[in-house]
PDB file of N, CA and C in Angstrom:
ATOM      1  N   MET A   1     163.803 -96.546-112.125  1.00  0.00           N
ATOM      2  CA  MET A   1     165.459 -97.006-112.808  1.00  0.00           C
ATOM      3  C   MET A   1     164.723 -95.681-113.306  1.00  0.00           C
ATOM      4  N   GLU A   2     166.097 -95.391-113.180  1.00  0.00           N
ATOM      5  CA  GLU A   2     166.481 -93.915-114.410  1.00  0.00           C
ATOM      6  C   GLU A   2     167.100 -94.378-115.680  1.00  0.00           C
ATOM      7  N   PRO A   3     166.807 -93.912-116.368  1.00  0.00           N
ATOM      8  CA  PRO A   3     167.052 -94.730-117.689  1.00  0.00           C
ATOM      9  C   PRO A   3     168.094 -93.866-118.127  1.00  0.00           C
ATOM     10  N   ASN A   4     169.391 -94.190-119.101  1.00  0.00           N
ATOM     11  CA  ASN A   4     170.499 -94.029-119.029  1.00  0.00           C
ATOM     12  C   ASN A   4     170.574 -93.038-119.687  1.00  0.00           C
ATOM     13  N   THR A   5     170.876 -91.603-119.023  1.00  0.00           N
ATOM     14  CA  THR A   5     171.360 -89.800-119.975  1.00  0.00           C
ATOM     15  C   THR A   5     172.829 -90.050-119.873  1.00  0.00           C
ATOM     16  N   ALA A   6     173.769 -90.808-120.326  1.00  0.00           N
ATOM     17  CA  ALA A   6     174.716 -90.499-120.840  1.00  0.00           C
ATOM     18  C   ALA A   6     175.054 -90.434-122.133  1.00  0.00           C
ATOM     19  N   PRO A   7     175.407 -88.743-122.669  1.00  0.00           N
ATOM     20  CA  PRO A   7     175.775 -88.565-123.948  1.00  0.00           C
ATOM     21  C   PRO A   7     175.974 -89.896-124.482  1.00  0.00           C
ATOM     22  N   GLU A   8     175.729 -90.102-125.758  1.00  0.00           N
ATOM     23  CA  GLU A   8     176.741 -91.157-126.723  1.00  0.00           C
ATOM     24  C   GLU A   8     178.275 -90.406-126.940  1.00  0.00           C
ATOM     25  N   PRO A   9     179.240 -91.523-126.933  1.00  0.00           N
ATOM     26  CA  PRO A   9     180.390 -91.143-127.467  1.00  0.00           C
ATOM     27  C   PRO A   9     180.812 -90.620-128.615  1.00  0.00           C
ATOM     28  N   GLN A  10     181.357 -89.031-128.548  1.00  0.00           N
ATOM     29  CA  GLN A  10     181.278 -89.129-130.066  1.00  0.00           C
ATOM     30  C   GLN A  10     182.796 -89.365-130.665  1.00  0.00           C
ATOM     31  N   PRO A  11     182.659 -89.539-132.044  1.00  0.00           N
ATOM     32  CA  PRO A  11     183.879 -90.501-132.551  1.00  0.00           C
ATOM     33  C   PRO A  11     185.585 -89.599-132.291  1.00  0.00           C
ATOM     34  N   PRO A  12     185.819 -89.932-132.466  1.00  0.00           N
ATOM     35  CA  PRO A  12     187.793 -89.023-132.643  1.00  0.00           C
ATOM     36  C   PRO A  12     187.475 -88.532-133.651  1.00  0.00           C
ATOM     37  N   ARG A  13     187.708 -87.125-133.297  1.00  0.00           N
ATOM     38  CA  ARG A  13     188.315 -85.962-134.438  1.00  0.00           C
ATOM     39  C   ARG A  13     189.191 -86.299-135.328  1.00  0.00           C
ATOM     40  N   ARG A  14     189.353 -86.261-136.655  1.00  0.00           N
ATOM     41  CA  ARG A  14     190.517 -86.994-137.572  1.00  0.00           C
ATOM     42  C   ARG A  14     191.597 -85.932-137.136  1.00  0.00           C
ATOM     43  N   ARG A  15     192.416 -85.937-137.131  1.00  0.00           N
ATOM     44  CA  ARG A  15     193.872 -84.654-137.182  1.00  0.00           C
ATOM     45  C   ARG A  15     193.741 -84.564-138.732  1.00  0.00           C
ATOM     46  N   LEU A  16     194.226 -85.022-139.170  1.00  0.00           N
ATOM     47  CA  LEU A  16     194.642 -85.004-141.040  1.00  0.00           C
ATOM     48  C   LEU A  16     192.954 -85.118-141.945  1.00  0.00           C
ATOM     49  N   HIS A  17     193.564 -84.506-142.997  1.00  0.00           N
ATOM     50  CA  HIS A  17     192.360 -84.635-143.987  1.00  0.00           C
ATOM     51  C   HIS A  17     193.458 -84.294-145.588  1.00  0.00           C
ATOM     52  N   SER A  18     192.771 -85.611-146.054  1.00  0.00           N
ATOM     53  CA  SER A  18     192.651 -85.315-147.375  1.00  0.00           C
ATOM     54  C   SER A  18     192.630 -84.086-148.863  1.00  0.00           C
ATOM     55  N   ILE A  19     193.428 -83.746-149.284  1.00  0.00           N
ATOM     56  CA  ILE A  19     193.403 -82.867-150.355  1.00  0.00           C
ATOM     57  C   ILE A  19     192.032 -82.755-150.748  1.00  0.00           C
ATOM     58  N   ARG A  20     191.552 -83.833-151.142  1.00  0.00           N
ATOM     59  CA  ARG A  20     189.966 -83.790-151.795  1.00  0.00           C
ATOM     60  C   ARG A  20     188.991 -83.291-150.771  1.00  0.00           C
ATOM     61  N   ASP A  21     189.477 -83.463-148.865  1.00  0.00           N
ATOM     62  CA  ASP A  21     188.468 -83.342-148.552  1.00  0.00           C
ATOM     63  C   ASP A  21     188.611 -82.019-148.001  1.00  0.00           C
ATOM     64  N   VAL A  22     189.859 -81.662-147.898  1.00  0.00           N
ATOM     65  CA  VAL A  22     190.108 -79.968-147.540  1.00  0.00           C
ATOM     66  C   VAL A  22     189.154 -79.231-148.958  1.00  0.00           C
ATOM     67  N   CYS A  23     188.856 -79.877-150.090  1.00  0.00           N
ATOM     68  CA  CYS A  23     188.471 -79.013-151.465  1.00  0.00           C
ATOM     69  C   CYS A  23     187.120 -79.027-151.436  1.00  0.00           C
ATOM     70  N   GLU A  24     186.838 -79.923-150.973  1.00  0.00           N
ATOM     71  CA  GLU A  24     185.526 -80.524-150.431  1.00  0.00           C
ATOM     72  C   GLU A  24     185.080 -79.586-149.371  1.00  0.00           C
ATOM     73  N   GLY A  25     185.183 -79.598-148.462  1.00  0.00           N
ATOM     74  CA  GLY A  25     184.780 -78.403-147.103  1.00  0.00           C
ATOM     75  C   GLY A  25     185.198 -77.341-146.923  1.00  0.00           C
ATOM     76  N   ALA A  26     185.813 -76.741-148.193  1.00  0.00           N
ATOM     77  CA  ALA A  26     186.520 -74.961-147.568  1.00  0.00           C
ATOM     78  C   ALA A  26     185.963 -75.083-148.748  1.00  0.00           C
ATOM     79  N   ARG A  27     185.281 -75.845-149.799  1.00  0.00           N
ATOM     80  CA  ARG A  27     185.203 -75.482-151.313  1.00  0.00           C
ATOM     81  C   ARG A  27     185.844 -74.368-152.524  1.00  0.00           C
ATOM     82  N   ILE A  28     186.672 -74.976-152.170  1.00  0.00           N
ATOM     83  CA  ILE A  28     188.193 -75.195-152.921  1.00  0.00           C
ATOM     84  C   ILE A  28     188.130 -75.420-154.106  1.00  0.00           C
ATOM     85  N   SER A  29     189.035 -74.817-154.937  1.00  0.00           N
ATOM     86  CA  SER A  29     189.240 -75.886-156.036  1.00  0.00           C
ATOM     87  C   SER A  29     190.401 -76.184-155.847  1.00  0.00           C
ATOM     88  N   HIS A  30     191.301 -77.962-155.901  1.00  0.00           N
ATOM     89  CA  HIS A  30     192.002 -78.537-156.021  1.00  0.00           C
ATOM     90  C   HIS A  30     193.646 -77.624-156.072  1.00  0.00           C
ATOM     91  N   PRO A  31     193.549 -76.647-157.079  1.00  0.00           N
ATOM     92  CA  PRO A  31     194.554 -75.531-158.208  1.00  0.00           C
ATOM     93  C   PRO A  31     195.195 -74.721-156.694  1.00  0.00           C
ATOM     94  N   THR A  32     194.049 -73.994-155.771  1.00  0.00           N
ATOM     95  CA  THR A  32     194.058 -73.675-154.858  1.00  0.00           C
ATOM     96  C   THR A  32     194.819 -73.850-153.824  1.00  0.00           C
ATOM     97  N   ALA A  33     194.053 -74.863-153.488  1.00  0.00           N
ATOM     98  CA  ALA A  33     194.352 -75.613-152.508  1.00  0.00           C
ATOM     99  C   ALA A  33     196.099 -75.895-152.019  1.00  0.00           C
ATOM    100  N   TRP A  34     196.600 -76.364-153.880  1.00  0.00           N
ATOM    101  CA  TRP A  34     197.416 -76.447-153.544  1.00  0.00           C
ATOM    102  C   TRP A  34     198.573 -75.031-153.930  1.00  0.00           C
ATOM    103  N   ARG A  35     198.031 -74.376-154.501  1.00  0.00           N
ATOM    104  CA  ARG A  35     198.637 -72.902-154.202  1.00  0.00           C
ATOM    105  C   ARG A  35     198.921 -72.561-152.355  1.00  0.00           C
ATOM    106  N   LEU A  36     197.929 -72.600-151.502  1.00  0.00           N
ATOM    107  CA  LEU A  36     197.426 -72.578-150.558  1.00  0.00           C
ATOM    108  C   LEU A  36     198.720 -73.092-149.384  1.00  0.00           C
ATOM    109  N   ILE A  37     199.259 -74.328-149.701  1.00  0.00           N
ATOM    110  CA  ILE A  37     200.010 -75.422-150.344  1.00  0.00           C
ATOM    111  C   ILE A  37     201.012 -74.818-149.974  1.00  0.00           C
ATOM    112  N   GLY A  38     201.119 -74.379-151.270  1.00  0.00           N
ATOM    113  CA  GLY A  38     203.117 -73.305-151.608  1.00  0.00           C
ATOM    114  C   GLY A  38     203.404 -72.200-151.116  1.00  0.00           C
ATOM    115  N   ARG A  39     201.857 -71.379-149.965  1.00  0.00           N
ATOM    116  CA  ARG A  39     202.519 -70.169-149.942  1.00  0.00           C
ATOM    117  C   ARG A  39     202.560 -70.638-147.943  1.00  0.00           C
ATOM    118  N   ASP A  40     202.321 -72.300-148.160  1.00  0.00           N
ATOM    119  CA  ASP A  40     202.547 -72.278-146.418  1.00  0.00           C
ATOM    120  C   ASP A  40     201.381 -71.670-145.832  1.00  0.00           C
ATOM    121  N   ILE A  41     199.958 -71.632-146.045  1.00  0.00           N
ATOM    122  CA  ILE A  41     199.125 -71.469-145.738  1.00  0.00           C
ATOM    123  C   ILE A  41     198.313 -72.494-144.953  1.00  0.00           C
ATOM    124  N   LEU A  42     198.281 -73.331-146.141  1.00  0.00           N
ATOM    125  CA  LEU A  42     197.858 -74.312-145.566  1.00  0.00           C
ATOM    126  C   LEU A  42     199.434 -75.736-145.068  1.00  0.00           C
ATOM    127  N   LYS A  43     199.286 -76.026-143.790  1.00  0.00           N
ATOM    128  CA  LYS A  43     200.124 -77.247-143.048  1.00  0.00           C
ATOM    129  C   LYS A  43     200.157 -78.668-143.644  1.00  0.00           C
ATOM    130  N   THR A  44     201.198 -79.389-143.646  1.00  0.00           N
ATOM    131  CA  THR A  44     200.543 -80.225-144.370  1.00  0.00           C
ATOM    132  C   THR A  44     201.792 -81.532-143.958  1.00  0.00           C
ATOM    133  N   VAL A  45     201.194 -82.956-144.038  1.00  0.00           N
ATOM    134  CA  VAL A  45     202.206 -84.226-143.280  1.00  0.00           C
ATOM    135  C   VAL A  45     202.168 -84.400-144.824  1.00  0.00           C
ATOM    136  N   LYS A  46     203.388 -85.256-144.692  1.00  0.00           N
ATOM    137  CA  LYS A  46     203.475 -86.664-145.649  1.00  0.00           C
ATOM    138  C   LYS A  46     203.558 -87.499-144.963  1.00  0.00           C
ATOM    139  N   ILE A  47     202.678 -88.823-145.426  1.00  0.00           N
ATOM    140  CA  ILE A  47     202.609 -90.290-145.538  1.00  0.00           C
ATOM    141  C   ILE A  47     202.734 -90.955-146.230  1.00  0.00           C
ATOM    142  N   GLY A  48     204.163 -92.042-146.820  1.00  0.00           N
ATOM    143  CA  GLY A  48     204.378 -92.279-147.589  1.00  0.00           C
ATOM    144  C   GLY A  48     204.644 -90.805-148.646  1.00  0.00           C
ATOM    145  N   ARG A  49     203.585 -91.353-150.180  1.00  0.00           N
ATOM    146  CA  ARG A  49     203.787 -90.430-151.654  1.00  0.00           C
ATOM    147  C   ARG A  49     202.554 -89.776-150.803  1.00  0.00           C
ATOM    148  N   ARG A  50     201.336 -90.610-149.839  1.00  0.00           N
ATOM    149  CA  ARG A  50     200.212 -88.891-149.852  1.00  0.00           C
ATOM    150  C   ARG A  50     200.971 -87.824-148.785  1.00  0.00           C
ATOM    151  N   THR A  51     199.901 -86.658-149.148  1.00  0.00           N
ATOM    152  CA  THR A  51     200.133 -85.888-148.683  1.00  0.00           C
ATOM    153  C   THR A  51     198.379 -85.150-147.753  1.00  0.00           C
ATOM    154  N   PHE A  52     198.637 -84.870-146.238  1.00  0.00           N
ATOM    155  CA  PHE A  52     197.641 -84.808-145.721  1.00  0.00           C
ATOM    156  C   PHE A  52     197.882 -83.438-144.863  1.00  0.00           C
ATOM    157  N   VAL A  53     196.653 -82.835-144.462  1.00  0.00           N
ATOM    158  CA  VAL A  53     196.484 -81.524-144.687  1.00  0.00           C
ATOM    159  C   VAL A  53     196.339 -81.222-142.889  1.00  0.00           C
ATOM    160  N   THR A  54     196.777 -80.855-141.947  1.00  0.00           N
ATOM    161  CA  THR A  54     196.851 -81.092-140.676  1.00  0.00           C
ATOM    162  C   THR A  54     195.244 -80.488-140.513  1.00  0.00           C
ATOM    163  N   ASP A  55     194.705 -81.248-139.446  1.00  0.00           N
ATOM    164  CA  ASP A  55     193.145 -80.119-138.846  1.00  0.00           C
ATOM    165  C   ASP A  55     193.579 -78.789-138.305  1.00  0.00           C
ATOM    166  N   GLU A  56     194.626 -78.422-137.627  1.00  0.00           N
ATOM    167  CA  GLU A  56     194.419 -76.509-137.104  1.00  0.00           C
ATOM    168  C   GLU A  56     194.607 -75.802-138.479  1.00  0.00           C
ATOM    169  N   SER A  57     195.589 -76.321-139.796  1.00  0.00           N
ATOM    170  CA  SER A  57     195.441 -75.278-140.485  1.00  0.00           C
ATOM    171  C   SER A  57     193.545 -75.442-141.452  1.00  0.00           C
ATOM    172  N   PHE A  58     193.055 -76.678-141.265  1.00  0.00           N
ATOM    173  CA  PHE A  58     192.225 -76.512-142.214  1.00  0.00           C
ATOM    174  C   PHE A  58     191.171 -76.152-141.495  1.00  0.00           C
ATOM    175  N   GLU A  59     191.011 -76.733-139.542  1.00  0.00           N
ATOM    176  CA  GLU A  59     190.028 -75.401-138.950  1.00  0.00           C
ATOM    177  C   GLU A  59     190.442 -73.639-139.756  1.00  0.00           C
ATOM    178  N   HIS A  60     191.831 -73.659-139.403  1.00  0.00           N
ATOM    179  CA  HIS A  60     191.428 -72.327-139.771  1.00  0.00           C
ATOM    180  C   HIS A  60     191.046 -70.984-141.086  1.00  0.00           C
ATOM    181  N   LEU A  61     191.052 -72.483-141.798  1.00  0.00           N
ATOM    182  CA  LEU A  61     191.301 -71.999-143.794  1.00  0.00           C
ATOM    183  C   LEU A  61     189.473 -71.625-143.294  1.00  0.00           C
ATOM    184  N   VAL A  62     188.451 -72.448-142.568  1.00  0.00           N
ATOM    185  CA  VAL A  62     187.222 -72.606-142.701  1.00  0.00           C
ATOM    186  C   VAL A  62     186.681 -71.951-142.156  1.00  0.00           C
ATOM    187  N   THR A  63     186.839 -71.330-141.112  1.00  0.00           N
ATOM    188  CA  THR A  63     186.517 -70.662-139.949  1.00  0.00           C
ATOM    189  C   THR A  63     187.030 -68.991-140.578  1.00  0.00           C
ATOM    190  N   VAL A  64     188.322 -68.845-140.518  1.00  0.00           N
ATOM    191  CA  VAL A  64     189.426 -67.408-141.630  1.00  0.00           C
ATOM    192  C   VAL A  64     188.405 -67.814-142.512  1.00  0.00           C
ATOM    193  N   GLY A  65     188.720 -68.251-143.750  1.00  0.00           N
ATOM    194  CA  GLY A  65     188.160 -68.011-145.042  1.00  0.00           C
ATOM    195  C   GLY A  65     190.051 -68.143-145.865  1.00  0.00           C
ATOM    196  N   VAL A  66     189.564 -68.556-146.989  1.00  0.00           N
ATOM    197  CA  VAL A  66     191.000 -67.761-147.752  1.00  0.00           C
ATOM    198  C   VAL A  66     190.888 -66.612-148.751  1.00  0.00           C
ATOM    199  N   PRO A  67     192.383 -66.857-148.220  1.00  0.00           N
ATOM    200  CA  PRO A  67     192.765 -65.259-148.284  1.00  0.00           C
ATOM    201  C   PRO A  67     193.132 -65.030-149.720  1.00  0.00           C
ATOM    202  N   LYS A  68     193.038 -63.960-150.297  1.00  0.00           N
ATOM    203  CA  LYS A  68     193.708 -63.303-151.706  1.00  0.00           C
ATOM    204  C   LYS A  68     194.494 -64.222-152.215  1.00  0.00           C
ATOM    205  N   ILE A  69     194.296 -65.016-153.044  1.00  0.00           N
ATOM    206  CA  ILE A  69     196.396 -65.597-153.269  1.00  0.00           C
ATOM    207  C   ILE A  69     196.884 -63.985-154.261  1.00  0.00           C
ATOM    208  N   GLY A  70     196.085 -63.111-154.746  1.00  0.00           N
ATOM    209  CA  GLY A  70     197.075 -62.627-155.555  1.00  0.00           C
ATOM    210  C   GLY A  70     197.176 -61.428-155.204  1.00  0.00           C
ATOM    211  N   ALA A  71     196.801 -61.051-153.511  1.00  0.00           N
ATOM    212  CA  ALA A  71     197.316 -59.654-152.469  1.00  0.00           C
ATOM    213  C   ALA A  71     198.312 -59.429-152.295  1.00  0.00           C
ATOM    214  N   ALA A  72     198.998 -58.576-152.876  1.00  0.00           N
ATOM    215  CA  ALA A  72     199.995 -57.755-151.909  1.00  0.00           C
ATOM    216  C   ALA A  72     200.180 -58.311-150.626  1.00  0.00           C
ATOM    217  N   GLU A  73     201.575 -59.150-150.114  1.00  0.00           N
ATOM    218  CA  GLU A  73     202.079 -59.508-148.552  1.00  0.00           C
ATOM    219  C   GLU A  73     202.741 -58.511-147.851  1.00  0.00           C
TER     220      GLU A  73
END
Protein backbone atom coordinates (compact mmCIF):
# COMPACT_ATOMS: atom_id res chain seq x y z
CA MET A 1 0.00 0.00 0.00
CA GLU A 2 1.21 3.48 -0.84
CA PRO A 3 1.26 6.06 1.93
CA ASN A 4 -1.35 8.77 1.75
CA THR A 5 0.32 11.52 -0.31
CA ALA A 6 -2.64 13.87 -0.56
CA PRO A 7 -1.72 17.39 0.58
CA GLU A 8 -3.19 18.52 3.85
CA PRO A 9 -6.14 20.84 3.39
CA GLN A 10 -5.35 24.50 3.89
CA PRO A 11 -7.44 26.50 6.34
CA PRO A 12 -9.83 28.89 4.62
CA ARG A 13 -8.37 32.30 3.89
CA ARG A 14 -9.76 35.19 5.91
CA ARG A 15 -11.84 37.58 3.87
CA LEU A 16 -11.81 40.38 6.44
CA HIS A 17 -8.96 41.74 8.57
CA SER A 18 -9.07 43.85 11.72
CA ILE A 19 -7.40 47.25 11.62
CA ARG A 20 -4.79 45.95 14.08
CA ASP A 21 -3.99 42.97 11.81
CA VAL A 22 -3.66 45.28 8.80
CA CYS A 23 -1.28 47.55 10.71
CA GLU A 24 0.88 44.63 11.79
CA GLY A 25 0.78 42.88 8.40
CA ALA A 26 1.53 45.97 6.33
CA ARG A 27 3.82 47.49 8.97
CA ILE A 28 1.95 50.78 9.04
CA SER A 29 0.75 52.88 11.97
CA HIS A 30 -2.84 52.99 13.15
CA PRO A 31 -3.31 56.63 12.00
CA THR A 32 -1.89 55.73 8.57
CA ALA A 33 -4.38 52.87 8.27
CA TRP A 34 -7.24 55.28 9.00
CA ARG A 35 -5.84 57.81 6.49
CA LEU A 36 -5.80 55.07 3.84
CA ILE A 37 -9.37 54.17 4.75
CA GLY A 38 -10.37 57.84 4.54
CA ARG A 39 -8.82 58.10 1.09
CA ASP A 40 -10.67 54.93 0.05
CA ILE A 41 -7.40 53.09 -0.59
CA LEU A 42 -8.36 50.45 1.97
CA LYS A 43 -11.92 49.18 1.50
CA THR A 44 -13.79 48.43 4.69
CA VAL A 45 -16.86 46.62 5.97
CA LYS A 46 -18.65 47.47 9.21
CA ILE A 47 -20.00 44.66 11.36
CA GLY A 48 -21.71 46.13 14.37
CA ARG A 49 -19.29 48.66 15.81
CA ARG A 50 -16.19 47.03 14.36
CA THR A 51 -14.49 47.99 11.11
CA PHE A 52 -12.76 45.37 8.98
CA VAL A 53 -10.58 45.73 5.89
CA THR A 54 -11.36 43.52 2.90
CA ASP A 55 -8.80 40.89 1.98
CA GLU A 56 -8.54 42.23 -1.58
CA SER A 57 -7.55 45.73 -0.49
CA PHE A 58 -5.21 44.38 2.21
CA GLU A 59 -3.42 42.15 -0.34
CA HIS A 60 -3.15 45.09 -2.74
CA LEU A 61 -1.61 47.20 0.02
CA VAL A 62 0.91 44.50 0.91
CA THR A 63 1.92 43.70 -2.69
CA VAL A 64 1.86 47.23 -4.18
CA GLY A 65 2.76 49.16 -1.04
CA VAL A 66 1.56 52.27 0.70
CA PRO A 67 1.11 55.28 -1.57
CA LYS A 68 2.51 58.57 -0.33
CA ILE A 69 -0.26 60.23 1.65
CA GLY A 70 0.93 63.76 0.90
CA ALA A 71 1.48 63.15 -2.82
CA ALA A 72 -0.54 65.24 -5.29
CA GLU A 73 -3.23 63.26 -7.03
